[in-house]
N, C-alpha and C. Protein backbone atom coordinates (compact mmCIF):
# COMPACT_ATOMS: atom_id res chain seq x y z
N MET A 1 1.09 -1.02 0.02
CA MET A 1 0.05 -0.07 -0.19
C MET A 1 0.73 1.35 -0.09
N ALA A 2 1.97 1.07 0.42
CA ALA A 2 2.57 2.32 0.79
C ALA A 2 3.39 1.95 -0.95
N GLU A 3 3.81 1.30 -1.81
CA GLU A 3 4.13 1.19 -2.90
C GLU A 3 3.08 1.76 -3.63
N GLU A 4 2.19 1.90 -3.65
CA GLU A 4 1.12 2.53 -4.66
C GLU A 4 0.61 3.52 -3.89
N LEU A 5 0.59 4.06 -2.68
CA LEU A 5 0.36 6.10 -2.10
C LEU A 5 1.89 6.32 -2.62
N GLN A 6 2.74 5.68 -2.91
CA GLN A 6 3.63 6.50 -3.72
C GLN A 6 3.71 7.08 -5.26
N ASN A 7 3.32 5.64 -5.70
CA ASN A 7 3.23 5.64 -7.21
C ASN A 7 2.18 6.32 -7.37
N LEU A 8 0.94 6.87 -6.14
CA LEU A 8 -0.03 7.57 -6.41
C LEU A 8 -0.01 8.90 -6.56
N LEU A 9 1.33 9.51 -5.32
CA LEU A 9 2.03 11.05 -5.26
C LEU A 9 2.56 11.21 -6.20
N ASP A 10 3.61 9.89 -6.63
CA ASP A 10 4.59 10.25 -7.97
C ASP A 10 3.40 10.82 -9.16
N LYS A 11 2.52 9.92 -9.86
CA LYS A 11 1.61 10.67 -10.20
C LYS A 11 1.09 11.76 -10.53
N ILE A 12 0.25 11.69 -9.51
CA ILE A 12 -0.25 13.12 -9.23
C ILE A 12 1.00 14.49 -8.85
N TYR A 13 2.45 13.77 -8.24
CA TYR A 13 3.19 15.30 -8.75
C TYR A 13 3.80 15.61 -10.36
N ALA A 14 4.11 14.18 -10.94
CA ALA A 14 4.34 14.56 -12.21
C ALA A 14 3.31 14.92 -13.02
N GLU A 15 2.10 14.68 -12.81
CA GLU A 15 0.92 15.83 -13.44
C GLU A 15 0.51 16.95 -13.04
N GLY A 16 0.72 17.37 -11.98
CA GLY A 16 1.52 18.45 -11.37
C GLY A 16 2.20 19.63 -12.26
N VAL A 17 3.49 18.64 -11.96
CA VAL A 17 4.69 19.01 -12.89
C VAL A 17 4.83 19.71 -14.17
N GLN A 18 4.28 18.49 -14.68
CA GLN A 18 3.69 18.78 -16.42
C GLN A 18 2.71 19.88 -16.08
N LYS A 19 1.67 20.23 -16.04
CA LYS A 19 0.45 21.30 -15.64
C LYS A 19 1.25 22.44 -15.76
N ALA A 20 2.03 22.42 -14.47
CA ALA A 20 2.64 23.51 -14.45
C ALA A 20 3.62 24.07 -15.75
N ASN A 21 4.39 23.14 -15.79
CA ASN A 21 5.03 23.22 -17.19
C ASN A 21 4.34 23.78 -18.16
N ALA A 22 2.97 23.60 -18.59
CA ALA A 22 2.53 23.67 -19.80
C ALA A 22 2.13 25.19 -19.06
N ASP A 23 1.54 25.45 -18.28
CA ASP A 23 1.14 26.61 -18.13
C ASP A 23 1.83 27.67 -18.34
N ALA A 24 3.06 27.29 -17.51
CA ALA A 24 4.22 27.87 -17.94
C ALA A 24 4.42 28.68 -19.28
N GLU A 25 4.83 27.50 -19.88
CA GLU A 25 5.02 27.30 -21.42
C GLU A 25 3.91 28.76 -22.03
N LYS A 26 2.78 28.56 -21.41
CA LYS A 26 1.39 28.81 -21.88
C LYS A 26 2.03 30.69 -21.27
N ILE A 27 1.66 31.16 -20.59
CA ILE A 27 2.64 32.26 -20.18
C ILE A 27 3.73 32.85 -20.94
N ILE A 28 4.74 31.97 -20.59
CA ILE A 28 5.59 32.48 -22.11
C ILE A 28 5.11 32.90 -22.76
N SER A 29 4.65 31.86 -23.46
CA SER A 29 4.35 32.12 -25.12
C SER A 29 3.84 33.38 -25.21
N ALA A 30 2.64 33.27 -24.50
CA ALA A 30 1.98 34.81 -24.26
C ALA A 30 2.54 36.10 -23.75
N ALA A 31 3.99 35.86 -22.69
CA ALA A 31 4.28 37.43 -22.73
C ALA A 31 5.02 37.37 -24.18
N LYS A 32 5.73 36.83 -24.78
CA LYS A 32 6.26 36.46 -25.92
C LYS A 32 5.89 37.49 -27.14
N GLU A 33 4.55 37.06 -27.31
CA GLU A 33 3.99 37.03 -28.48
C GLU A 33 3.61 38.85 -27.84
N GLU A 34 2.64 39.37 -26.34
CA GLU A 34 3.12 40.45 -26.29
C GLU A 34 3.97 41.48 -26.66
N ALA A 35 5.09 40.80 -26.27
CA ALA A 35 6.90 41.63 -26.01
C ALA A 35 6.90 41.56 -28.04
N LYS A 36 6.49 40.97 -28.30
CA LYS A 36 6.53 41.15 -29.78
C LYS A 36 5.29 42.23 -30.90
N SER A 37 4.40 42.17 -29.91
CA SER A 37 3.29 42.83 -29.83
C SER A 37 3.52 44.34 -30.05
N ILE A 38 4.54 44.96 -28.44
CA ILE A 38 5.00 45.74 -27.90
C ILE A 38 6.03 46.70 -29.08
N VAL A 39 6.90 45.35 -29.20
CA VAL A 39 8.01 45.87 -30.32
C VAL A 39 6.97 46.12 -30.89
N ALA A 40 6.80 45.95 -32.02
CA ALA A 40 5.67 45.59 -33.79
C ALA A 40 5.08 47.23 -33.35
N GLY A 41 4.60 47.54 -32.39
CA GLY A 41 3.80 49.02 -31.91
C GLY A 41 4.74 49.86 -31.55
N ALA A 42 5.58 50.51 -30.79
CA ALA A 42 6.64 50.84 -30.03
C ALA A 42 7.51 51.15 -32.03
N LYS A 43 7.73 50.21 -32.84
CA LYS A 43 8.39 50.53 -34.28
C LYS A 43 7.92 51.11 -35.22
N LEU A 44 6.01 50.63 -35.04
CA LEU A 44 5.26 51.58 -35.80
C LEU A 44 5.55 52.80 -35.70
N GLU A 45 4.86 52.78 -34.12
CA GLU A 45 4.98 54.60 -33.65
C GLU A 45 6.41 54.77 -33.84
N ALA A 46 7.21 54.47 -33.91
CA ALA A 46 8.54 55.02 -33.87
C ALA A 46 8.49 56.00 -35.54
N ASP A 47 8.47 54.66 -36.40
CA ASP A 47 8.47 54.89 -38.06
C ASP A 47 7.41 55.74 -37.98
N ASP A 48 5.93 56.61 -37.54
CA ASP A 48 5.91 57.40 -37.59
C ASP A 48 5.83 58.46 -37.44
N ILE A 49 6.10 59.00 -35.75
CA ILE A 49 7.02 59.83 -35.58
C ILE A 49 8.55 60.63 -36.11
N ARG A 50 9.26 59.49 -37.25
CA ARG A 50 10.50 59.76 -37.92
C ARG A 50 9.51 60.43 -38.80
N ALA A 51 8.60 59.48 -39.67
CA ALA A 51 8.23 60.00 -41.16
C ALA A 51 7.67 61.71 -41.01
N ARG A 52 6.90 61.95 -39.18
CA ARG A 52 5.87 63.26 -39.35
C ARG A 52 7.49 64.11 -38.87
N ALA A 53 8.05 63.93 -37.99
CA ALA A 53 9.15 64.83 -37.90
C ALA A 53 10.17 65.36 -39.38
N GLN A 54 10.39 63.86 -40.16
CA GLN A 54 10.92 64.47 -41.84
C GLN A 54 10.04 65.09 -42.35
N GLU A 55 8.90 64.96 -41.95
CA GLU A 55 7.66 65.75 -42.75
C GLU A 55 7.68 67.80 -42.74
N SER A 56 7.71 67.54 -41.23
CA SER A 56 8.29 68.57 -40.33
C SER A 56 9.06 69.19 -41.50
N ALA A 57 10.13 68.80 -40.67
CA ALA A 57 11.57 69.02 -41.40
C ALA A 57 11.66 69.78 -42.85
N ALA A 58 11.25 68.96 -43.70
CA ALA A 58 10.83 69.26 -45.18
C ALA A 58 9.62 70.55 -45.36
N SER A 59 8.74 70.69 -44.60
CA SER A 59 7.86 71.71 -44.67
C SER A 59 8.44 72.77 -44.13
N LEU A 60 9.26 72.73 -43.13
CA LEU A 60 9.85 73.80 -42.86
C LEU A 60 10.83 74.67 -43.11
N GLN A 61 11.57 73.73 -43.97
CA GLN A 61 13.18 74.00 -45.13
C GLN A 61 12.02 75.19 -46.27
N GLN A 62 10.36 74.73 -46.83
CA GLN A 62 10.06 74.99 -47.98
C GLN A 62 9.67 75.77 -47.24
N ARG A 63 9.24 76.22 -46.40
CA ARG A 63 8.40 77.62 -45.59
C ARG A 63 9.67 78.81 -45.49
N ALA A 64 10.87 77.68 -45.14
CA ALA A 64 12.01 79.16 -44.86
C ALA A 64 13.02 79.46 -46.47
N GLU A 65 12.74 78.26 -47.83
CA GLU A 65 12.89 78.97 -48.21
C GLU A 65 11.98 79.21 -49.10
N SER A 66 10.93 79.65 -49.23
CA SER A 66 10.17 80.66 -49.74
C SER A 66 10.43 81.65 -49.15
N ALA A 67 10.42 81.79 -48.08
CA ALA A 67 10.33 83.16 -46.74
C ALA A 67 11.72 84.26 -47.66
N VAL A 68 12.93 83.29 -48.28
CA VAL A 68 13.93 83.31 -48.44
C VAL A 68 13.71 84.45 -49.74
N ARG A 69 13.28 83.56 -50.56
CA ARG A 69 12.68 84.09 -52.09
C ARG A 69 12.09 85.28 -52.06
N GLN A 70 11.34 84.93 -51.78
CA GLN A 70 9.73 86.32 -50.85
C GLN A 70 10.94 87.51 -50.46
N ALA A 71 11.72 87.41 -49.32
CA ALA A 71 12.78 88.63 -48.77
C ALA A 71 13.35 89.33 -50.12
N SER A 72 13.84 88.11 -50.82
CA SER A 72 14.98 88.21 -51.73
C SER A 72 14.29 89.33 -52.62
N ARG A 73 12.32 88.81 -53.30
CA ARG A 73 12.05 89.78 -54.62
C ARG A 73 12.10 90.89 -53.54
N ASP A 74 11.09 90.99 -52.22
CA ASP A 74 10.74 92.14 -51.42
C ASP A 74 12.60 93.37 -51.62
N ILE A 75 13.51 92.46 -51.56
CA ILE A 75 14.09 93.73 -51.84
C ILE A 75 15.09 94.60 -53.06
N LEU A 76 14.99 93.01 -53.61
CA LEU A 76 15.19 93.53 -55.30
C LEU A 76 14.29 94.80 -55.54
N LEU A 77 13.19 94.40 -55.46
CA LEU A 77 11.75 95.24 -55.69
C LEU A 77 11.74 96.96 -55.11
N GLN A 78 12.93 96.74 -54.44
CA GLN A 78 12.78 97.94 -53.08
C GLN A 78 14.42 98.80 -53.82
N LEU A 79 15.58 97.77 -53.83
CA LEU A 79 16.17 98.32 -54.30
C LEU A 79 15.81 98.87 -55.90
N LYS A 80 15.13 98.22 -56.59
CA LYS A 80 14.87 98.59 -58.06
C LYS A 80 14.19 99.99 -58.00
N ALA A 81 12.81 100.69 -56.46
CA ALA A 81 12.18 101.28 -56.70
C ALA A 81 12.99 102.70 -56.35
N GLU A 82 14.27 102.12 -55.57
CA GLU A 82 14.93 103.10 -54.98
C GLU A 82 15.89 104.19 -56.01
N LEU A 83 16.68 102.51 -56.97
CA LEU A 83 17.18 103.39 -57.63
C LEU A 83 16.04 104.16 -59.08
N GLU A 84 15.00 104.06 -58.99
CA GLU A 84 14.71 104.48 -60.49
C GLU A 84 14.23 105.98 -59.17
N LYS A 85 14.06 105.82 -58.18
CA LYS A 85 13.18 107.49 -57.33
C LYS A 85 14.67 107.98 -57.90
N ARG A 86 16.21 107.57 -57.61
CA ARG A 86 16.85 108.19 -57.47
C ARG A 86 17.89 108.63 -58.84
N LEU A 87 17.60 107.62 -59.91
CA LEU A 87 17.69 107.80 -61.04
C LEU A 87 16.52 109.15 -61.73
N ARG A 88 15.32 109.02 -61.99
CA ARG A 88 14.46 110.29 -62.04
C ARG A 88 14.66 111.70 -61.46
N ALA A 89 15.65 111.36 -59.97
CA ALA A 89 15.85 113.18 -59.51
C ALA A 89 17.27 113.35 -60.12
N ALA A 90 18.06 112.27 -60.74
CA ALA A 90 18.99 112.69 -61.36
C ALA A 90 18.45 112.94 -62.62
N VAL A 91 17.92 112.48 -63.23
CA VAL A 91 17.27 113.00 -64.79
C VAL A 91 16.87 114.15 -65.18
N SER A 92 15.74 114.42 -64.06
CA SER A 92 15.11 115.73 -63.36
C SER A 92 15.81 116.86 -63.50
N GLY A 93 17.07 116.44 -62.69
CA GLY A 93 18.25 117.06 -62.54
C GLY A 93 18.85 117.79 -63.62
N ALA A 94 19.02 117.15 -64.18
CA ALA A 94 20.08 117.27 -65.91
C ALA A 94 19.23 118.34 -67.02
N ALA A 95 17.58 117.12 -66.64
CA ALA A 95 16.89 118.65 -67.51
C ALA A 95 16.46 119.78 -67.80
N LYS A 96 16.99 119.70 -66.61
CA LYS A 96 16.12 121.76 -66.15
C LYS A 96 17.79 121.97 -66.24
N GLU A 97 18.62 121.92 -66.46
CA GLU A 97 20.28 122.41 -66.38
C GLU A 97 19.87 122.16 -68.01
N ALA A 98 19.50 121.39 -69.29
CA ALA A 98 20.22 121.15 -70.24
C ALA A 98 19.11 121.77 -70.76
N LEU A 99 17.74 121.86 -70.77
CA LEU A 99 17.01 122.68 -71.70
C LEU A 99 16.99 123.97 -71.37
N THR A 100 17.74 124.60 -72.05
CA THR A 100 17.92 126.14 -72.19
C THR A 100 17.20 126.79 -73.05
N PRO A 101 16.64 128.20 -72.82
CA PRO A 101 15.98 128.43 -74.05
C PRO A 101 17.01 128.43 -74.77
N GLN A 102 18.24 128.11 -75.57
CA GLN A 102 19.45 127.99 -76.23
C GLN A 102 19.02 126.74 -77.10
N LEU A 103 19.00 125.73 -76.20
CA LEU A 103 18.42 124.62 -76.67
C LEU A 103 17.37 124.18 -77.22
N MET A 104 16.65 125.08 -76.54
CA MET A 104 15.04 125.11 -77.02
C MET A 104 14.88 125.57 -78.21
N ALA A 105 15.29 126.61 -78.27
CA ALA A 105 15.37 127.41 -79.63
C ALA A 105 16.08 126.26 -80.78
N GLN A 106 17.10 125.33 -80.11
CA GLN A 106 17.94 124.58 -82.17
C GLN A 106 16.62 123.38 -81.95
N ILE A 107 15.95 122.90 -80.79
CA ILE A 107 15.02 122.26 -81.50
C ILE A 107 13.97 122.78 -82.58
N ILE A 108 13.53 124.12 -82.21
CA ILE A 108 12.38 124.76 -82.93
C ILE A 108 12.90 124.98 -84.21
N SER A 109 13.83 125.13 -84.69
CA SER A 109 15.05 125.85 -85.16
C SER A 109 15.55 124.49 -86.64
N ASP A 110 15.20 123.46 -85.80
CA ASP A 110 15.24 122.21 -86.91
C ASP A 110 14.12 121.80 -87.04
N PHE A 111 13.07 121.94 -86.07
CA PHE A 111 11.19 121.83 -86.96
C PHE A 111 11.70 122.60 -87.90
N ALA A 112 11.73 123.82 -87.95
CA ALA A 112 12.01 125.15 -89.04
C ALA A 112 12.34 124.15 -90.55
N LYS A 113 14.16 123.20 -90.70
CA LYS A 113 13.88 122.59 -91.35
C LYS A 113 13.08 122.21 -91.70
N ALA A 114 12.80 121.05 -91.43
CA ALA A 114 11.17 120.11 -91.88
C ALA A 114 10.19 120.37 -92.07
N GLY A 115 9.46 122.39 -92.07
CA GLY A 115 8.09 122.69 -92.34
C GLY A 115 8.43 124.42 -92.03
N PRO A 116 9.75 125.27 -93.14
CA PRO A 116 9.06 126.84 -92.88
C PRO A 116 7.96 127.03 -92.94
N ASP A 117 6.83 126.61 -93.11
CA ASP A 117 5.31 127.23 -93.57
C ASP A 117 4.79 126.37 -92.44
N ALA A 118 5.20 126.48 -91.28
CA ALA A 118 4.43 125.35 -90.25
C ALA A 118 4.12 126.68 -89.06
N GLU A 119 2.75 126.86 -88.57
CA GLU A 119 3.68 127.51 -87.70
C GLU A 119 2.99 127.03 -86.23
N ILE A 120 4.42 127.60 -85.31
CA ILE A 120 5.00 126.88 -84.46
C ILE A 120 3.86 127.82 -83.22
N SER A 121 3.73 127.05 -81.94
CA SER A 121 3.40 127.75 -80.89
C SER A 121 4.43 127.28 -79.55
N VAL A 122 4.88 127.69 -78.93
CA VAL A 122 5.70 127.28 -77.89
C VAL A 122 5.04 127.46 -76.06
N LEU A 123 4.74 126.66 -75.36
CA LEU A 123 4.62 126.99 -74.32
C LEU A 123 5.75 126.53 -73.60
N CYS A 124 6.14 127.86 -72.40
CA CYS A 124 7.84 127.15 -71.80
C CYS A 124 7.09 128.14 -70.47
N PRO A 125 8.05 127.96 -69.66
CA PRO A 125 8.20 128.53 -67.79
C PRO A 125 8.19 130.32 -68.45
N GLU A 126 7.73 130.90 -68.15
CA GLU A 126 7.45 132.75 -67.88
C GLU A 126 9.00 132.68 -67.78
N ARG A 127 9.71 132.38 -67.07
CA ARG A 127 11.36 132.80 -66.89
C ARG A 127 11.90 132.90 -68.13
N ASP A 128 11.45 132.01 -68.92
CA ASP A 128 12.20 131.64 -70.52
C ASP A 128 11.80 131.89 -71.34
N VAL A 129 10.50 132.76 -71.11
CA VAL A 129 10.02 133.20 -72.41
C VAL A 129 10.86 134.23 -73.29
N GLU A 130 11.60 135.50 -72.22
CA GLU A 130 12.41 136.57 -73.41
C GLU A 130 13.58 135.63 -74.15
N ALA A 131 14.04 134.57 -73.15
CA ALA A 131 15.75 134.39 -73.86
C ALA A 131 14.96 133.45 -74.88
N LEU A 132 13.90 132.90 -74.85
CA LEU A 132 13.93 131.96 -76.01
C LEU A 132 13.33 132.49 -77.44
N GLN A 133 12.31 133.95 -77.27
CA GLN A 133 12.26 134.73 -78.34
C GLN A 133 13.20 135.16 -78.60
N THR A 134 14.39 135.78 -78.15
CA THR A 134 15.52 135.93 -78.43
C THR A 134 16.03 135.31 -79.39
N ALA A 135 16.37 134.11 -78.56
CA ALA A 135 16.90 133.08 -79.52
C ALA A 135 16.55 132.40 -80.40
N LEU A 136 15.15 132.22 -81.08
CA LEU A 136 14.35 131.85 -81.48
C LEU A 136 14.69 132.51 -83.20
N TYR A 137 14.54 134.06 -82.96
CA TYR A 137 14.27 135.28 -83.63
C TYR A 137 15.67 135.73 -83.93
N SER A 138 16.78 135.55 -83.11
CA SER A 138 18.64 135.72 -83.78
C SER A 138 18.65 134.27 -84.67
N SER A 139 18.71 132.95 -84.20
CA SER A 139 18.70 132.12 -85.02
C SER A 139 17.79 131.59 -86.25
N LEU A 140 16.53 132.14 -85.98
CA LEU A 140 15.58 131.75 -86.49
C LEU A 140 15.61 132.85 -88.11
N GLY A 141 15.60 133.86 -88.18
CA GLY A 141 15.85 135.08 -88.61
C GLY A 141 14.31 134.73 -89.82
N ARG A 142 14.36 135.20 -90.75
CA ARG A 142 12.75 134.48 -91.33
C ARG A 142 13.44 133.30 -92.10
N SER A 143 13.46 132.55 -90.84
CA SER A 143 13.12 131.10 -91.72
C SER A 143 11.71 130.57 -91.75
N PHE A 144 10.88 130.77 -90.58
CA PHE A 144 9.47 131.01 -90.96
C PHE A 144 8.63 131.90 -91.90
N ALA A 145 7.99 130.94 -92.09
CA ALA A 145 6.54 132.18 -93.16
C ALA A 145 6.43 133.06 -91.52
N LYS A 146 5.80 132.33 -90.92
CA LYS A 146 5.15 133.45 -89.48
C LYS A 146 6.19 133.06 -88.24
N GLN A 147 6.39 134.19 -87.82
CA GLN A 147 7.50 133.59 -86.27
C GLN A 147 6.38 132.61 -85.65
N PRO A 148 7.68 132.36 -85.08
CA PRO A 148 6.97 131.33 -83.99
C PRO A 148 6.03 131.88 -82.71
N LYS A 149 5.78 131.68 -81.87
CA LYS A 149 4.47 132.20 -81.10
C LYS A 149 4.82 131.46 -79.58
N VAL A 150 5.80 131.81 -78.62
CA VAL A 150 6.30 131.92 -77.12
C VAL A 150 5.42 131.97 -76.14
N PHE A 151 4.57 131.65 -75.73
CA PHE A 151 3.96 132.11 -74.49
C PHE A 151 3.91 131.28 -72.81
N ALA A 152 3.72 132.33 -71.52
CA ALA A 152 4.22 131.15 -70.79
C ALA A 152 3.26 130.68 -70.06
N ASP A 153 3.87 129.48 -69.47
CA ASP A 153 2.70 128.65 -68.69
C ASP A 153 3.27 128.55 -67.67
N ALA A 154 1.96 128.79 -66.67
CA ALA A 154 3.15 128.64 -65.06
C ALA A 154 3.12 127.00 -64.39
N SER A 155 2.01 126.08 -65.20
CA SER A 155 2.18 124.81 -65.01
C SER A 155 3.65 123.81 -65.68
N ILE A 156 4.83 124.22 -66.58
CA ILE A 156 5.53 124.26 -66.79
C ILE A 156 6.75 124.53 -66.41
N GLU A 157 7.63 123.61 -65.38
CA GLU A 157 8.76 124.01 -64.44
C GLU A 157 9.82 124.73 -65.00
N GLY A 158 10.19 123.26 -66.91
CA GLY A 158 11.51 123.51 -67.33
C GLY A 158 10.39 123.13 -68.71
N GLY A 159 11.82 123.93 -69.63
CA GLY A 159 11.22 122.78 -71.16
C GLY A 159 10.61 123.30 -71.80
N MET A 160 9.64 122.26 -72.44
CA MET A 160 9.23 123.59 -73.55
C MET A 160 7.70 122.08 -73.91
N GLU A 161 7.01 122.96 -74.44
CA GLU A 161 6.12 122.16 -75.09
C GLU A 161 5.59 123.25 -76.76
N VAL A 162 6.16 122.56 -78.03
CA VAL A 162 5.86 122.04 -78.62
C VAL A 162 4.59 122.26 -80.13
N SER A 163 4.03 123.03 -80.54
CA SER A 163 2.54 122.25 -81.31
C SER A 163 2.58 122.96 -82.55
N LEU A 164 2.46 122.55 -83.74
CA LEU A 164 2.75 122.92 -84.97
C LEU A 164 1.58 122.50 -85.65
N ARG A 165 2.32 123.26 -86.24
CA ARG A 165 0.11 123.64 -87.59
C ARG A 165 -1.17 124.07 -86.06
N ASP A 166 -1.09 124.47 -85.56
CA ASP A 166 -2.56 124.46 -84.82
C ASP A 166 -2.74 123.51 -83.93
N GLY A 167 -1.94 122.00 -83.55
CA GLY A 167 -2.30 121.71 -82.37
C GLY A 167 -2.52 120.40 -83.37
N GLU A 168 -1.53 119.92 -84.22
CA GLU A 168 -1.81 118.96 -85.06
C GLU A 168 -1.07 118.11 -85.34
N PHE A 169 0.30 118.96 -84.56
CA PHE A 169 1.30 118.32 -84.21
C PHE A 169 1.96 118.31 -82.66
N PHE A 170 2.35 117.53 -82.04
CA PHE A 170 2.50 118.16 -80.11
C PHE A 170 3.99 117.42 -79.93
N PHE A 171 4.37 118.16 -79.81
CA PHE A 171 6.14 117.22 -78.70
C PHE A 171 5.88 117.92 -77.79
N ASP A 172 6.25 117.05 -76.71
CA ASP A 172 6.35 117.38 -74.80
C ASP A 172 7.43 117.30 -74.76
N PHE A 173 8.54 118.42 -74.68
CA PHE A 173 10.18 118.89 -73.97
C PHE A 173 10.40 118.85 -73.02
N THR A 174 9.00 119.01 -72.04
CA THR A 174 8.99 119.42 -70.71
C THR A 174 10.10 118.42 -69.66
N VAL A 175 10.41 118.95 -68.62
CA VAL A 175 11.28 118.35 -67.62
C VAL A 175 10.81 117.07 -67.33
N PRO A 176 9.14 116.61 -66.69
CA PRO A 176 9.03 115.68 -66.55
C PRO A 176 8.85 114.42 -67.79
N ALA A 177 8.42 114.81 -68.66
CA ALA A 177 8.09 114.36 -70.05
C ALA A 177 9.43 113.86 -71.01
N VAL A 178 10.50 113.97 -70.29
CA VAL A 178 11.74 114.04 -70.63
C VAL A 178 12.61 113.22 -69.62
N THR A 179 12.00 113.34 -68.57
CA THR A 179 12.78 112.46 -67.21
C THR A 179 11.96 111.20 -67.23
N GLU A 180 10.64 111.10 -67.41
CA GLU A 180 9.75 110.08 -67.89
C GLU A 180 10.47 108.91 -69.07
N LEU A 181 10.99 110.09 -70.04
CA LEU A 181 11.25 109.26 -71.53
C LEU A 181 12.81 107.87 -71.07
N VAL A 182 13.27 108.73 -70.30
CA VAL A 182 15.32 109.10 -69.85
C VAL A 182 14.59 107.50 -68.68
N GLY A 183 14.09 107.80 -68.04
CA GLY A 183 13.61 107.03 -66.78
C GLY A 183 13.23 105.58 -67.43
N GLU A 184 12.32 105.10 -68.27
CA GLU A 184 11.70 104.34 -68.77
C GLU A 184 13.02 103.51 -69.24
N LEU A 185 13.56 104.49 -69.95
CA LEU A 185 14.85 103.81 -70.72
C LEU A 185 15.77 103.50 -69.86
N VAL A 186 16.40 103.65 -69.61
CA VAL A 186 16.98 103.09 -68.21
C VAL A 186 16.49 102.35 -67.44
N GLY A 187 15.45 102.77 -66.65
CA GLY A 187 14.65 102.09 -65.43
C GLY A 187 14.33 100.12 -66.05
N GLU A 188 14.47 100.22 -67.73
CA GLU A 188 14.31 98.55 -68.60
C GLU A 188 15.93 98.00 -67.73
N ARG A 189 16.34 99.16 -68.05
CA ARG A 189 17.85 98.65 -67.85
C ARG A 189 18.25 98.11 -67.50
N ILE A 190 18.13 98.74 -65.70
CA ILE A 190 18.53 98.91 -63.95
C ILE A 190 17.47 97.23 -64.13
N ALA A 191 16.16 97.12 -64.32
CA ALA A 191 15.29 96.24 -64.37
C ALA A 191 15.70 94.68 -64.65
N ALA A 192 16.55 94.88 -65.91
CA ALA A 192 17.05 93.67 -66.43
C ALA A 192 18.38 93.06 -65.61
N LEU A 193 19.33 94.34 -65.48
CA LEU A 193 20.38 93.76 -64.84
C LEU A 193 19.78 93.53 -62.95
N LEU A 194 18.90 93.37 -62.32
CA LEU A 194 18.17 93.27 -61.57
C LEU A 194 18.25 91.69 -61.32
N GLU A 195 17.40 91.82 -62.22
CA GLU A 195 16.73 89.91 -62.50
C GLU A 195 17.45 89.49 -62.85
N LYS A 196 18.85 89.38 -63.55
CA LYS A 196 19.88 88.05 -63.41
C LYS A 196 20.42 87.97 -62.17
């Protein structure tokens, strides 16, 4: 009986150990699966974080490049505007100095060669009327059938406006017109240089 009891105890022990081993295997296997799942989840989360960080960095770089391009355009536009402003001031000053009654008389004299029968009317600043008339009469003499008429116009700061054949032809040689013309020509060249 003692032997049977021992066999029964050995059998119960063996079954208990087997069951404990099987339960341990299940727990270990479940723990390994859970660990794999956690590692896979962590890997996915890390990949997602890395992808978002790369997207954010790329977006930040694009915004920075765009801001630099915009700032560069703004600087070039400001530089162009300042250059044009200074150019117009310089041209305007030079035009005021250059558009003397003698030069204006020479321009009108050139018109006389093209059409001596034309009636010419000239508008100029009041300060230049007498000098322009003197220069015209001395340089043209009897070149015209009718002497050019010179009138003062308070709105003209310098230069002149010339009208041929009762306004059929009109030429604007005022300081603002000359400044605008030269400014556009030179301004286009400056703009082309700045765009390079």
